[in-house]
Amino acid sequence: MSGKKIAIIGGGNLGSAIAKGLLKSGFSKAADITVTKRNTSTLKDLKEQGVHIESDNAKAISEADVVVVALKPYNVKEVLSELRASFDAKKQILISVVTGVFLDDLEKITLPGLPIFRAMPNTAIAIQESITCICGRNATEEQNQYVKEMFDQLGVSVNIDEKLMDAATVLGACGIAYALRFIRASIQGGIEIGFDARTANLIVAQTVKGAAELLIKEKRHPEEEIDKVTTPKGCTIAGLNEMEHQGFSSSLIKGITASMDKIIKG
């Protein structure tokens, strides 16, 4: 348990999910978490668990050791600029989970020398299964470790260079949608070969979960596991080859690069 006072500025879906994950994992006590939102009535469930709910951002920041910024990208500069006096570079850590706001931007609108981090989770953070990519500046090794440990409670985290943050958005955050589209198509195929939708959904979702766990827990390369189920003249290789003839891998790679181009070019 961390023992640090954490203020989450912006109690929307992502901010609330972070608070819930930190509570469920036991990383933080409810009494050590403050979540802010203009309309605090929407955070009733967190309040009932003992989390402090606050509409005053300045008050929440001034009392915190760790400040997590979970605002919308368009109002980060305006909100944080007004709160500059509430930060303390000597005792606080700032973590932004806002897409497209760079470390340079965060330092300019807060305080020079303030330990700052960018973290890019995905929507699976709601069930503590996110992959979160992290980069930072002005931080000690202890502070770096603390931030990684925090996001490890919400899934798995990895430290990357800031120049890869856009790529992390595509592969980790957009990637949820890519995986779900594959699952959806597989369910449709399952219905066509005889299953009802509910059963097909369960079979496909668990199969994808199992495949992912094989790679993570056994530290395997996908081709190692594919080779185990592709017997000579078998049905698996026939299906895989037909998918490749139809451009399966190529279309996925093109989709990933198209998402990246969209981020770069706007």
C-alpha atoms as a PDB file:
ATOM      1  CA  MET A   1       0.000   0.000   0.000  1.00  0.00           C
ATOM      2  CA  SER A   2       1.485   3.320  -1.101  1.00  0.00           C
ATOM      3  CA  GLY A   3       0.409   5.652   1.720  1.00  0.00           C
ATOM      4  CA  LYS A   4       0.712   8.663  -0.584  1.00  0.00           C
ATOM      5  CA  LYS A   5      -2.160  11.100  -1.001  1.00  0.00           C
ATOM      6  CA  ILE A   6      -3.423  10.880  -4.574  1.00  0.00           C
ATOM      7  CA  ALA A   7      -5.556  13.552  -6.253  1.00  0.00           C
ATOM      8  CA  ILE A   8      -7.231  12.586  -9.522  1.00  0.00           C
ATOM      9  CA  ILE A   9      -8.162  15.760 -11.380  1.00  0.00           C
ATOM     10  CA  GLY A  10     -11.087  14.840 -13.600  1.00  0.00           C
ATOM     11  CA  GLY A  11     -13.490  12.171 -12.419  1.00  0.00           C
ATOM     12  CA  GLY A  12     -14.714  11.039 -15.827  1.00  0.00           C
ATOM     13  CA  ASN A  13     -14.596   7.438 -17.059  1.00  0.00           C
ATOM     14  CA  LEU A  14     -10.800   7.176 -17.016  1.00  0.00           C
ATOM     15  CA  GLY A  15     -10.239   9.075 -13.760  1.00  0.00           C
ATOM     16  CA  SER A  16     -12.914   7.024 -11.988  1.00  0.00           C
ATOM     17  CA  ALA A  17     -11.504   3.764 -13.379  1.00  0.00           C
ATOM     18  CA  ILE A  18      -8.055   4.628 -12.004  1.00  0.00           C
ATOM     19  CA  ALA A  19      -9.505   5.363  -8.577  1.00  0.00           C
ATOM     20  CA  LYS A  20     -11.478   2.102  -8.547  1.00  0.00           C
ATOM     21  CA  GLY A  21      -8.460   0.088  -9.677  1.00  0.00           C
ATOM     22  CA  LEU A  22      -6.211   1.545  -6.982  1.00  0.00           C
ATOM     23  CA  LEU A  23      -8.843   0.678  -4.383  1.00  0.00           C
ATOM     24  CA  LYS A  24      -9.511  -2.861  -5.640  1.00  0.00           C
ATOM     25  CA  SER A  25      -5.814  -3.681  -5.798  1.00  0.00           C
ATOM     26  CA  GLY A  26      -5.196  -2.381  -2.280  1.00  0.00           C
ATOM     27  CA  PHE A  27      -2.518  -0.009  -3.573  1.00  0.00           C
ATOM     28  CA  SER A  28      -4.276   2.936  -1.877  1.00  0.00           C
ATOM     29  CA  LYS A  29      -6.776   3.413   0.908  1.00  0.00           C
ATOM     30  CA  ALA A  30      -9.993   5.228   0.048  1.00  0.00           C
ATOM     31  CA  ALA A  31      -9.076   7.933   2.570  1.00  0.00           C
ATOM     32  CA  ASP A  32      -5.882   8.657   0.580  1.00  0.00           C
ATOM     33  CA  ILE A  33      -7.673   9.275  -2.738  1.00  0.00           C
ATOM     34  CA  THR A  34      -9.411  12.472  -3.814  1.00  0.00           C
ATOM     35  CA  VAL A  35     -11.297  12.680  -7.118  1.00  0.00           C
ATOM     36  CA  THR A  36     -12.433  16.007  -8.519  1.00  0.00           C
ATOM     37  CA  LYS A  37     -15.285  16.829 -10.838  1.00  0.00           C
ATOM     38  CA  ARG A  38     -17.475  19.830 -11.466  1.00  0.00           C
ATOM     39  CA  ASN A  39     -20.622  17.713 -11.044  1.00  0.00           C
ATOM     40  CA  THR A  40     -19.717  15.639  -7.995  1.00  0.00           C
ATOM     41  CA  SER A  41     -23.097  13.883  -7.865  1.00  0.00           C
ATOM     42  CA  THR A  42     -21.927  11.490 -10.617  1.00  0.00           C
ATOM     43  CA  LEU A  43     -19.232  10.116  -8.286  1.00  0.00           C
ATOM     44  CA  LYS A  44     -21.641   8.782  -5.689  1.00  0.00           C
ATOM     45  CA  ASP A  45     -20.296   5.221  -5.874  1.00  0.00           C
ATOM     46  CA  LEU A  46     -16.740   6.360  -5.112  1.00  0.00           C
ATOM     47  CA  LYS A  47     -17.954   8.541  -2.267  1.00  0.00           C
ATOM     48  CA  GLU A  48     -19.777   5.574  -0.747  1.00  0.00           C
ATOM     49  CA  GLN A  49     -16.475   3.667  -0.750  1.00  0.00           C
ATOM     50  CA  GLY A  50     -14.830   6.421   1.288  1.00  0.00           C
ATOM     51  CA  VAL A  51     -13.054   8.331  -1.494  1.00  0.00           C
ATOM     52  CA  HIS A  52     -12.923  12.100  -1.026  1.00  0.00           C
ATOM     53  CA  ILE A  53     -14.967  13.850  -3.696  1.00  0.00           C
ATOM     54  CA  GLU A  54     -14.072  17.466  -4.379  1.00  0.00           C
ATOM     55  CA  SER A  55     -15.097  20.181  -6.829  1.00  0.00           C
ATOM     56  CA  ASP A  56     -12.148  22.438  -5.868  1.00  0.00           C
ATOM     57  CA  ASN A  57      -9.138  21.380  -7.950  1.00  0.00           C
ATOM     58  CA  ALA A  58      -6.736  23.726  -6.161  1.00  0.00           C
ATOM     59  CA  LYS A  59      -7.607  22.284  -2.749  1.00  0.00           C
ATOM     60  CA  ALA A  60      -7.228  18.713  -3.996  1.00  0.00           C
ATOM     61  CA  ILE A  61      -3.822  19.409  -5.543  1.00  0.00           C
ATOM     62  CA  SER A  62      -2.414  21.320  -2.579  1.00  0.00           C
ATOM     63  CA  GLU A  63      -3.165  18.389  -0.256  1.00  0.00           C
ATOM     64  CA  ALA A  64      -1.775  15.680  -2.558  1.00  0.00           C
ATOM     65  CA  ASP A  65       1.577  13.937  -2.996  1.00  0.00           C
ATOM     66  CA  VAL A  66       0.617  12.576  -6.415  1.00  0.00           C
ATOM     67  CA  VAL A  67      -1.568  14.457  -8.905  1.00  0.00           C
ATOM     68  CA  VAL A  68      -3.151  12.451 -11.733  1.00  0.00           C
ATOM     69  CA  VAL A  69      -4.507  14.661 -14.510  1.00  0.00           C
ATOM     70  CA  ALA A  70      -7.410  12.979 -16.309  1.00  0.00           C
ATOM     71  CA  LEU A  71      -8.959  16.005 -18.004  1.00  0.00           C
ATOM     72  CA  LYS A  72     -10.105  16.360 -21.609  1.00  0.00           C
ATOM     73  CA  PRO A  73      -7.229  17.386 -23.932  1.00  0.00           C
ATOM     74  CA  TYR A  74      -8.867  20.675 -24.926  1.00  0.00           C
ATOM     75  CA  ASN A  75      -9.011  22.102 -21.380  1.00  0.00           C
ATOM     76  CA  VAL A  76      -5.759  20.839 -19.818  1.00  0.00           C
ATOM     77  CA  LYS A  77      -3.792  24.033 -20.494  1.00  0.00           C
ATOM     78  CA  GLU A  78      -6.534  26.326 -19.217  1.00  0.00           C
ATOM     79  CA  VAL A  79      -7.227  24.327 -16.050  1.00  0.00           C
ATOM     80  CA  LEU A  80      -3.612  23.596 -15.054  1.00  0.00           C
ATOM     81  CA  SER A  81      -2.421  27.153 -15.767  1.00  0.00           C
ATOM     82  CA  GLU A  82      -4.932  28.437 -13.213  1.00  0.00           C
ATOM     83  CA  LEU A  83      -3.700  25.855 -10.694  1.00  0.00           C
ATOM     84  CA  ARG A  84       0.028  26.552 -11.038  1.00  0.00           C
ATOM     85  CA  ALA A  85       0.312  27.995  -7.518  1.00  0.00           C
ATOM     86  CA  SER A  86      -1.120  24.800  -5.995  1.00  0.00           C
ATOM     87  CA  PHE A  87       1.798  22.624  -7.126  1.00  0.00           C
ATOM     88  CA  ASP A  88       4.958  21.955  -5.111  1.00  0.00           C
ATOM     89  CA  ALA A  89       7.916  20.753  -7.207  1.00  0.00           C
ATOM     90  CA  LYS A  90       9.774  19.553  -4.101  1.00  0.00           C
ATOM     91  CA  LYS A  91       7.186  17.075  -2.843  1.00  0.00           C
ATOM     92  CA  GLN A  92       4.780  16.250  -5.661  1.00  0.00           C
ATOM     93  CA  ILE A  93       4.569  14.019  -8.733  1.00  0.00           C
ATOM     94  CA  LEU A  94       2.324  14.919 -11.668  1.00  0.00           C
ATOM     95  CA  ILE A  95       0.988  12.151 -13.919  1.00  0.00           C
ATOM     96  CA  SER A  96      -0.986  13.016 -17.057  1.00  0.00           C
ATOM     97  CA  VAL A  97      -3.184  10.394 -18.717  1.00  0.00           C
ATOM     98  CA  VAL A  98      -4.316  12.935 -21.323  1.00  0.00           C
ATOM     99  CA  THR A  99      -3.712  12.077 -24.987  1.00  0.00           C
ATOM    100  CA  GLY A 100      -1.541  14.478 -26.979  1.00  0.00           C
ATOM    101  CA  VAL A 101      -0.251  16.641 -24.107  1.00  0.00           C
ATOM    102  CA  PHE A 102       3.552  16.494 -24.117  1.00  0.00           C
ATOM    103  CA  LEU A 103       6.017  16.635 -21.219  1.00  0.00           C
ATOM    104  CA  ASP A 104       7.189  20.041 -22.491  1.00  0.00           C
ATOM    105  CA  ASP A 105       3.594  21.303 -22.356  1.00  0.00           C
ATOM    106  CA  LEU A 106       3.067  19.974 -18.830  1.00  0.00           C
ATOM    107  CA  GLU A 107       6.263  21.549 -17.526  1.00  0.00           C
ATOM    108  CA  LYS A 108       5.468  24.939 -19.081  1.00  0.00           C
ATOM    109  CA  ILE A 109       1.971  25.141 -17.595  1.00  0.00           C
ATOM    110  CA  THR A 110       2.942  23.850 -14.129  1.00  0.00           C
ATOM    111  CA  LEU A 111       6.386  24.288 -12.547  1.00  0.00           C
ATOM    112  CA  PRO A 112       9.971  23.934 -13.826  1.00  0.00           C
ATOM    113  CA  GLY A 113      11.571  20.881 -12.236  1.00  0.00           C
ATOM    114  CA  LEU A 114       8.297  19.261 -11.214  1.00  0.00           C
ATOM    115  CA  PRO A 115       8.540  15.458 -11.638  1.00  0.00           C
ATOM    116  CA  ILE A 116       6.123  14.806 -14.512  1.00  0.00           C
ATOM    117  CA  PHE A 117       4.930  11.690 -16.284  1.00  0.00           C
ATOM    118  CA  ARG A 118       2.742  10.804 -19.236  1.00  0.00           C
ATOM    119  CA  ALA A 119       0.851   7.531 -19.011  1.00  0.00           C
ATOM    120  CA  MET A 120      -1.155   5.973 -21.848  1.00  0.00           C
ATOM    121  CA  PRO A 121      -3.552   3.283 -20.574  1.00  0.00           C
ATOM    122  CA  ASN A 122      -6.398   1.666 -22.494  1.00  0.00           C
ATOM    123  CA  THR A 123     -10.048   1.042 -21.623  1.00  0.00           C
ATOM    124  CA  ALA A 124      -9.255  -2.327 -20.003  1.00  0.00           C
ATOM    125  CA  ILE A 125      -8.023  -0.247 -17.073  1.00  0.00           C
ATOM    126  CA  ALA A 126     -11.648  -0.477 -15.874  1.00  0.00           C
ATOM    127  CA  ILE A 127     -11.034  -4.150 -15.038  1.00  0.00           C
ATOM    128  CA  GLN A 128      -7.345  -3.751 -14.078  1.00  0.00           C
ATOM    129  CA  GLU A 129      -6.164  -5.311 -17.351  1.00  0.00           C
ATOM    130  CA  SER A 130      -4.706  -2.285 -19.143  1.00  0.00           C
ATOM    131  CA  ILE A 131      -1.379  -2.051 -20.884  1.00  0.00           C
ATOM    132  CA  THR A 132      -0.046   1.355 -19.827  1.00  0.00           C
ATOM    133  CA  CYS A 133       2.937   3.010 -21.537  1.00  0.00           C
ATOM    134  CA  ILE A 134       4.838   5.529 -19.388  1.00  0.00           C
ATOM    135  CA  CYS A 135       7.473   8.217 -19.935  1.00  0.00           C
ATOM    136  CA  GLY A 136       8.735  10.846 -17.503  1.00  0.00           C
ATOM    137  CA  ARG A 137      11.027  13.753 -16.707  1.00  0.00           C
ATOM    138  CA  ASN A 138      12.690  15.332 -13.633  1.00  0.00           C
ATOM    139  CA  ALA A 139      11.983  12.215 -11.559  1.00  0.00           C
ATOM    140  CA  THR A 140      14.157  10.187  -9.198  1.00  0.00           C
ATOM    141  CA  GLU A 141      14.517   6.436  -9.606  1.00  0.00           C
ATOM    142  CA  GLU A 142      12.224   6.007  -6.601  1.00  0.00           C
ATOM    143  CA  GLN A 143       9.551   8.194  -8.232  1.00  0.00           C
ATOM    144  CA  ASN A 144       9.886   6.308 -11.523  1.00  0.00           C
ATOM    145  CA  GLN A 145       9.400   3.039  -9.664  1.00  0.00           C
ATOM    146  CA  TYR A 146       6.389   4.372  -7.766  1.00  0.00           C
ATOM    147  CA  VAL A 147       4.584   5.414 -10.950  1.00  0.00           C
ATOM    148  CA  LYS A 148       5.294   2.067 -12.631  1.00  0.00           C
ATOM    149  CA  GLU A 149       4.087   0.223  -9.550  1.00  0.00           C
ATOM    150  CA  MET A 150       0.894   2.316  -9.519  1.00  0.00           C
ATOM    151  CA  PHE A 151      -0.005   1.391 -13.085  1.00  0.00           C
ATOM    152  CA  ASP A 152       1.027  -2.222 -12.549  1.00  0.00           C
ATOM    153  CA  GLN A 153      -1.966  -2.376 -10.186  1.00  0.00           C
ATOM    154  CA  LEU A 154      -4.157  -1.512 -13.180  1.00  0.00           C
ATOM    155  CA  GLY A 155      -2.750  -4.151 -15.518  1.00  0.00           C
ATOM    156  CA  VAL A 156       0.776  -4.127 -16.926  1.00  0.00           C
ATOM    157  CA  SER A 157       2.991  -1.095 -17.513  1.00  0.00           C
ATOM    158  CA  VAL A 158       6.041  -0.484 -19.676  1.00  0.00           C
ATOM    159  CA  ASN A 159       8.450   2.470 -19.805  1.00  0.00           C
ATOM    160  CA  ILE A 160       8.977   3.939 -23.275  1.00  0.00           C
ATOM    161  CA  ASP A 161      10.531   7.003 -24.901  1.00  0.00           C
ATOM    162  CA  GLU A 162       8.096   9.905 -25.323  1.00  0.00           C
ATOM    163  CA  LYS A 163       8.567   9.846 -29.102  1.00  0.00           C
ATOM    164  CA  LEU A 164       6.774   6.464 -29.081  1.00  0.00           C
ATOM    165  CA  MET A 165       3.694   7.730 -27.228  1.00  0.00           C
ATOM    166  CA  ASP A 166       1.676   8.175 -30.431  1.00  0.00           C
ATOM    167  CA  ALA A 167       2.619   4.661 -31.486  1.00  0.00           C
ATOM    168  CA  ALA A 168       1.608   3.420 -28.023  1.00  0.00           C
ATOM    169  CA  THR A 169      -1.788   5.057 -28.502  1.00  0.00           C
ATOM    170  CA  VAL A 170      -2.296   3.129 -31.744  1.00  0.00           C
ATOM    171  CA  LEU A 171      -1.005  -0.260 -30.612  1.00  0.00           C
ATOM    172  CA  GLY A 172      -2.351  -0.237 -27.047  1.00  0.00           C
ATOM    173  CA  ALA A 173      -5.401   2.041 -27.003  1.00  0.00           C
ATOM    174  CA  CYS A 174      -6.714   1.711 -30.584  1.00  0.00           C
ATOM    175  CA  GLY A 175      -5.596  -1.911 -30.366  1.00  0.00           C
ATOM    176  CA  ILE A 176      -8.525  -2.726 -28.077  1.00  0.00           C
ATOM    177  CA  ALA A 177     -10.873  -1.895 -30.960  1.00  0.00           C
ATOM    178  CA  TYR A 178      -8.817  -3.933 -33.438  1.00  0.00           C
ATOM    179  CA  ALA A 179      -8.947  -6.980 -31.143  1.00  0.00           C
ATOM    180  CA  LEU A 180     -12.669  -6.564 -30.553  1.00  0.00           C
ATOM    181  CA  ARG A 181     -13.343  -6.318 -34.279  1.00  0.00           C
ATOM    182  CA  PHE A 182     -11.467  -9.608 -34.767  1.00  0.00           C
ATOM    183  CA  ILE A 183     -13.570 -11.148 -31.996  1.00  0.00           C
ATOM    184  CA  ARG A 184     -16.768  -9.810 -33.537  1.00  0.00           C
ATOM    185  CA  ALA A 185     -15.891 -11.266 -36.956  1.00  0.00           C
ATOM    186  CA  SER A 186     -15.031 -14.614 -35.373  1.00  0.00           C
ATOM    187  CA  ILE A 187     -18.395 -14.656 -33.596  1.00  0.00           C
ATOM    188  CA  GLN A 188     -20.142 -14.046 -36.901  1.00  0.00           C
ATOM    189  CA  GLY A 189     -18.194 -16.920 -38.409  1.00  0.00           C
ATOM    190  CA  GLY A 190     -19.157 -19.082 -35.448  1.00  0.00           C
ATOM    191  CA  ILE A 191     -22.843 -18.343 -36.013  1.00  0.00           C
ATOM    192  CA  GLU A 192     -22.491 -19.266 -39.669  1.00  0.00           C
ATOM    193  CA  ILE A 193     -21.078 -22.702 -38.759  1.00  0.00           C
ATOM    194  CA  GLY A 194     -23.820 -23.466 -36.269  1.00  0.00           C
ATOM    195  CA  PHE A 195     -23.451 -21.744 -32.874  1.00  0.00           C
ATOM    196  CA  ASP A 196     -25.918 -19.354 -31.314  1.00  0.00           C
ATOM    197  CA  ALA A 197     -24.542 -15.836 -30.738  1.00  0.00           C
ATOM    198  CA  ARG A 198     -24.122 -16.151 -26.950  1.00  0.00           C
ATOM    199  CA  THR A 199     -22.195 -19.428 -27.154  1.00  0.00           C
ATOM    200  CA  ALA A 200     -20.044 -18.193 -30.045  1.00  0.00           C
ATOM    201  CA  ASN A 201     -19.244 -15.043 -28.058  1.00  0.00           C
ATOM    202  CA  LEU A 202     -18.069 -17.071 -25.053  1.00  0.00           C
ATOM    203  CA  ILE A 203     -15.991 -19.526 -27.107  1.00  0.00           C
ATOM    204  CA  VAL A 204     -14.256 -16.793 -29.114  1.00  0.00           C
ATOM    205  CA  ALA A 205     -13.619 -14.433 -26.190  1.00  0.00           C
ATOM    206  CA  GLN A 206     -12.130 -17.193 -24.033  1.00  0.00           C
ATOM    207  CA  THR A 207     -10.063 -18.478 -26.954  1.00  0.00           C
ATOM    208  CA  VAL A 208      -8.570 -15.014 -27.532  1.00  0.00           C
ATOM    209  CA  LYS A 209      -7.947 -14.603 -23.800  1.00  0.00           C
ATOM    210  CA  GLY A 210      -6.203 -17.981 -23.694  1.00  0.00           C
ATOM    211  CA  ALA A 211      -4.068 -17.148 -26.726  1.00  0.00           C
ATOM    212  CA  ALA A 212      -2.947 -13.872 -25.144  1.00  0.00           C
ATOM    213  CA  GLU A 213      -2.162 -15.560 -21.817  1.00  0.00           C
ATOM    214  CA  LEU A 214       0.020 -18.150 -23.588  1.00  0.00           C
ATOM    215  CA  LEU A 215       2.175 -15.353 -24.995  1.00  0.00           C
ATOM    216  CA  ILE A 216       2.327 -13.397 -21.734  1.00  0.00           C
ATOM    217  CA  LYS A 217       2.797 -16.203 -19.210  1.00  0.00           C
ATOM    218  CA  GLU A 218       4.936 -18.529 -21.320  1.00  0.00           C
ATOM    219  CA  LYS A 219       6.815 -15.670 -23.050  1.00  0.00           C
ATOM    220  CA  ARG A 220       6.176 -17.301 -26.425  1.00  0.00           C
ATOM    221  CA  HIS A 221       6.289 -15.912 -29.948  1.00  0.00           C
ATOM    222  CA  PRO A 222       2.912 -16.258 -31.722  1.00  0.00           C
ATOM    223  CA  GLU A 223       4.382 -18.489 -34.449  1.00  0.00           C
ATOM    224  CA  GLU A 224       5.516 -21.037 -31.839  1.00  0.00           C
ATOM    225  CA  GLU A 225       1.931 -21.503 -30.694  1.00  0.00           C
ATOM    226  CA  ILE A 226       0.545 -21.415 -34.239  1.00  0.00           C
ATOM    227  CA  ASP A 227       2.894 -24.258 -35.223  1.00  0.00           C
ATOM    228  CA  LYS A 228       1.429 -26.416 -32.437  1.00  0.00           C
ATOM    229  CA  VAL A 229      -2.049 -26.381 -33.984  1.00  0.00           C
ATOM    230  CA  THR A 230      -1.224 -26.384 -37.695  1.00  0.00           C
ATOM    231  CA  THR A 231      -0.942 -30.062 -38.600  1.00  0.00           C
ATOM    232  CA  PRO A 232      -0.119 -31.120 -42.178  1.00  0.00           C
ATOM    233  CA  LYS A 233      -3.162 -30.933 -44.463  1.00  0.00           C
ATOM    234  CA  GLY A 234      -5.241 -29.890 -41.425  1.00  0.00           C
ATOM    235  CA  CYS A 235      -8.177 -27.545 -41.067  1.00  0.00           C
ATOM    236  CA  THR A 236      -6.202 -24.872 -39.177  1.00  0.00           C
ATOM    237  CA  ILE A 237      -3.617 -24.268 -41.892  1.00  0.00           C
ATOM    238  CA  ALA A 238      -6.363 -24.307 -44.519  1.00  0.00           C
ATOM    239  CA  GLY A 239      -8.198 -21.558 -42.669  1.00  0.00           C
ATOM    240  CA  LEU A 240      -5.048 -19.509 -41.987  1.00  0.00           C
ATOM    241  CA  ASN A 241      -3.932 -19.690 -45.612  1.00  0.00           C
ATOM    242  CA  GLU A 242      -7.345 -18.575 -46.860  1.00  0.00           C
ATOM    243  CA  MET A 243      -7.283 -15.606 -44.443  1.00  0.00           C
ATOM    244  CA  GLU A 244      -3.841 -14.634 -45.742  1.00  0.00           C
ATOM    245  CA  HIS A 245      -4.993 -14.977 -49.363  1.00  0.00           C
ATOM    246  CA  GLN A 246      -7.756 -12.506 -48.461  1.00  0.00           C
ATOM    247  CA  GLY A 247      -5.226 -10.069 -46.978  1.00  0.00           C
ATOM    248  CA  PHE A 248      -5.756 -10.678 -43.237  1.00  0.00           C
ATOM    249  CA  SER A 249      -2.295  -9.720 -41.914  1.00  0.00           C
ATOM    250  CA  SER A 250      -1.799  -7.053 -44.563  1.00  0.00           C
ATOM    251  CA  SER A 251      -5.102  -5.317 -43.770  1.00  0.00           C
ATOM    252  CA  LEU A 252      -4.331  -5.314 -40.044  1.00  0.00           C
ATOM    253  CA  ILE A 253      -0.881  -3.803 -40.591  1.00  0.00           C
ATOM    254  CA  LYS A 254      -2.348  -1.205 -42.957  1.00  0.00           C
ATOM    255  CA  GLY A 255      -5.014  -0.353 -40.374  1.00  0.00           C
ATOM    256  CA  ILE A 256      -2.383   0.227 -37.690  1.00  0.00           C
ATOM    257  CA  THR A 257      -0.313   2.470 -39.967  1.00  0.00           C
ATOM    258  CA  ALA A 258      -3.462   4.351 -41.059  1.00  0.00           C
ATOM    259  CA  SER A 259      -4.269   5.118 -37.411  1.00  0.00           C
ATOM    260  CA  MET A 260      -0.698   6.310 -36.903  1.00  0.00           C
ATOM    261  CA  ASP A 261      -0.878   8.550 -39.977  1.00  0.00           C
ATOM    262  CA  LYS A 262      -4.118  10.054 -38.649  1.00  0.00           C
ATOM    263  CA  ILE A 263      -2.443  10.991 -35.347  1.00  0.00           C
ATOM    264  CA  ILE A 264       0.597  12.493 -37.102  1.00  0.00           C
ATOM    265  CA  LYS A 265      -1.270  14.412 -39.800  1.00  0.00           C
ATOM    266  CA  GLY A 266      -4.401  15.173 -37.797  1.00  0.00           C
END
